[in-house]
Protein backbone atom coordinates (compact mmCIF):
# COMPACT_ATOMS: atom_id res chain seq x y z
CA UNK A 1 70.80 108.32 109.55
CA UNK A 2 72.83 105.39 110.57
CA UNK A 3 76.10 105.36 112.32
CA UNK A 4 77.34 103.81 109.04
CA UNK A 5 76.23 106.71 106.99
CA UNK A 6 77.75 109.18 109.46
CA UNK A 7 81.33 107.19 109.21
CA UNK A 8 81.17 107.57 105.46
CA UNK A 9 80.35 110.91 105.59
CA UNK A 10 83.10 111.64 107.80
CA UNK A 11 85.53 109.77 105.93
CA UNK A 12 84.60 111.10 102.59
CA UNK A 13 85.04 114.83 104.12
CA UNK A 14 88.48 113.64 105.34
CA UNK A 15 89.48 112.23 102.19
CA UNK A 16 88.70 115.71 100.01
CA UNK A 17 91.09 117.81 101.76
CA UNK A 18 93.81 119.54 99.74
CA UNK A 19 96.47 117.80 101.03
CA UNK A 20 97.54 115.81 97.95
CA UNK A 21 98.09 118.56 95.36
CA UNK A 22 101.18 118.53 93.41
CA UNK A 23 103.76 121.20 93.52
CA UNK A 24 103.91 123.08 89.89
CA UNK A 25 107.37 124.20 88.27
CA UNK A 26 106.04 127.69 88.59
CA UNK A 27 105.58 127.08 92.17
CA UNK A 28 109.41 126.01 92.74
CA UNK A 29 110.60 128.61 90.35
CA UNK A 30 109.07 131.71 92.03
CA UNK A 31 109.32 130.13 95.71
CA UNK A 32 105.50 130.49 96.19
CA UNK A 33 103.73 128.18 98.53
CA UNK A 34 100.46 126.06 97.33
CA UNK A 35 97.76 126.22 99.65
CA UNK A 36 98.39 122.62 100.49
CA UNK A 37 101.81 123.41 101.58
CA UNK A 38 100.88 126.40 103.75
CA UNK A 39 97.95 124.00 105.21
CA UNK A 40 100.81 121.42 106.01
CA UNK A 41 103.19 124.01 107.84
CA UNK A 42 100.46 125.17 110.28
CA UNK A 43 98.91 121.80 111.10
CA UNK A 44 100.95 120.44 114.41
CA UNK A 45 102.06 116.82 114.04
CA UNK A 46 99.90 114.12 115.75
CA UNK A 47 100.87 112.86 118.69
CA UNK A 48 101.31 109.11 119.14
CA UNK A 49 97.78 108.75 121.02
CA UNK A 50 96.00 110.78 118.22
CA UNK A 51 98.02 108.76 115.56
CA UNK A 52 96.59 105.70 117.03
CA UNK A 53 93.22 106.89 116.98
CA UNK A 54 93.43 108.20 113.55
CA UNK A 55 94.57 104.93 112.32
CA UNK A 56 91.70 102.85 114.14
CA UNK A 57 88.98 105.27 112.61
CA UNK A 58 90.30 104.55 109.28
CA UNK A 59 90.60 100.73 109.88
CA UNK A 60 86.89 101.08 111.05
CA UNK A 61 86.29 102.81 107.69
CA UNK A 62 87.87 100.46 105.65
CA UNK A 63 85.97 97.85 107.27
CA UNK A 64 82.58 99.36 106.57
CA UNK A 65 83.59 98.91 102.92
CA UNK A 66 83.87 95.45 103.05
CA UNK A 67 81.09 93.05 101.32
CA UNK A 68 80.67 89.94 103.47
CA UNK A 69 79.41 86.84 101.84
CA UNK A 70 76.16 85.42 103.00
CA UNK A 71 75.53 82.06 104.51
CA UNK A 72 74.68 80.61 100.89
CA UNK A 73 77.99 81.77 99.39
CA UNK A 74 79.95 80.71 102.30
CA UNK A 75 78.72 77.22 102.37
CA UNK A 76 79.17 76.86 98.66
CA UNK A 77 82.41 78.11 98.58
CA UNK A 78 83.45 75.83 101.53
CA UNK A 79 81.98 73.07 99.75
CA UNK A 80 84.10 73.93 96.84
CA UNK A 81 87.39 74.19 98.50
CA UNK A 82 86.95 70.97 100.47
CA UNK A 83 86.14 69.12 96.72
CA UNK A 84 88.95 70.74 95.04
CA UNK A 85 91.56 69.65 98.19
CA UNK A 86 90.08 66.16 97.95
CA UNK A 87 90.62 65.98 94.25
CA UNK A 88 94.28 67.09 94.23
CA UNK A 89 95.12 65.11 97.35
CA UNK A 90 93.65 61.86 95.59
CA UNK A 91 95.38 62.84 92.38
CA UNK A 92 98.86 63.68 93.96
CA UNK A 93 98.41 60.54 95.87
CA UNK A 94 98.28 58.18 92.98
CA UNK A 95 100.92 60.33 91.12
CA UNK A 96 103.13 59.49 94.20
CA UNK A 97 102.34 55.77 94.30
CA UNK A 98 102.93 55.38 90.80
CA UNK A 99 106.10 56.75 90.82
CA UNK A 100 107.57 55.02 93.95
CA UNK A 101 106.45 51.80 92.30
CA UNK A 102 108.36 52.77 89.04
CA UNK A 103 111.31 53.85 91.07
CA UNK A 104 111.01 50.50 92.87
CA UNK A 105 111.01 48.18 89.48
CA UNK A 106 114.03 50.38 88.31
CA UNK A 107 116.17 49.94 91.21
CA UNK A 108 115.60 45.94 91.21
């Protein structure tokens, strides 16, 4: 098993906790606690160092979900961006030049 698969398994186990259970109207009326509510009370707050480590683990897990483009896709997208940039700069240059000449003729 690769490191990537191990990280995915770890993050999927962390994501399947009962932390996000909603509190129902019956729970509020009777004053009973859901398993999630009792679990949240039992867990001590994370220290700053543990919170930073947890954050970095989550960032790493999110980076593993990214699908990076291959070289061919990157080159084709770069060419498309450059072509569009050249086209619009030429178009705006022509519009600017024509409008400045038009304003020059009106001012005379």
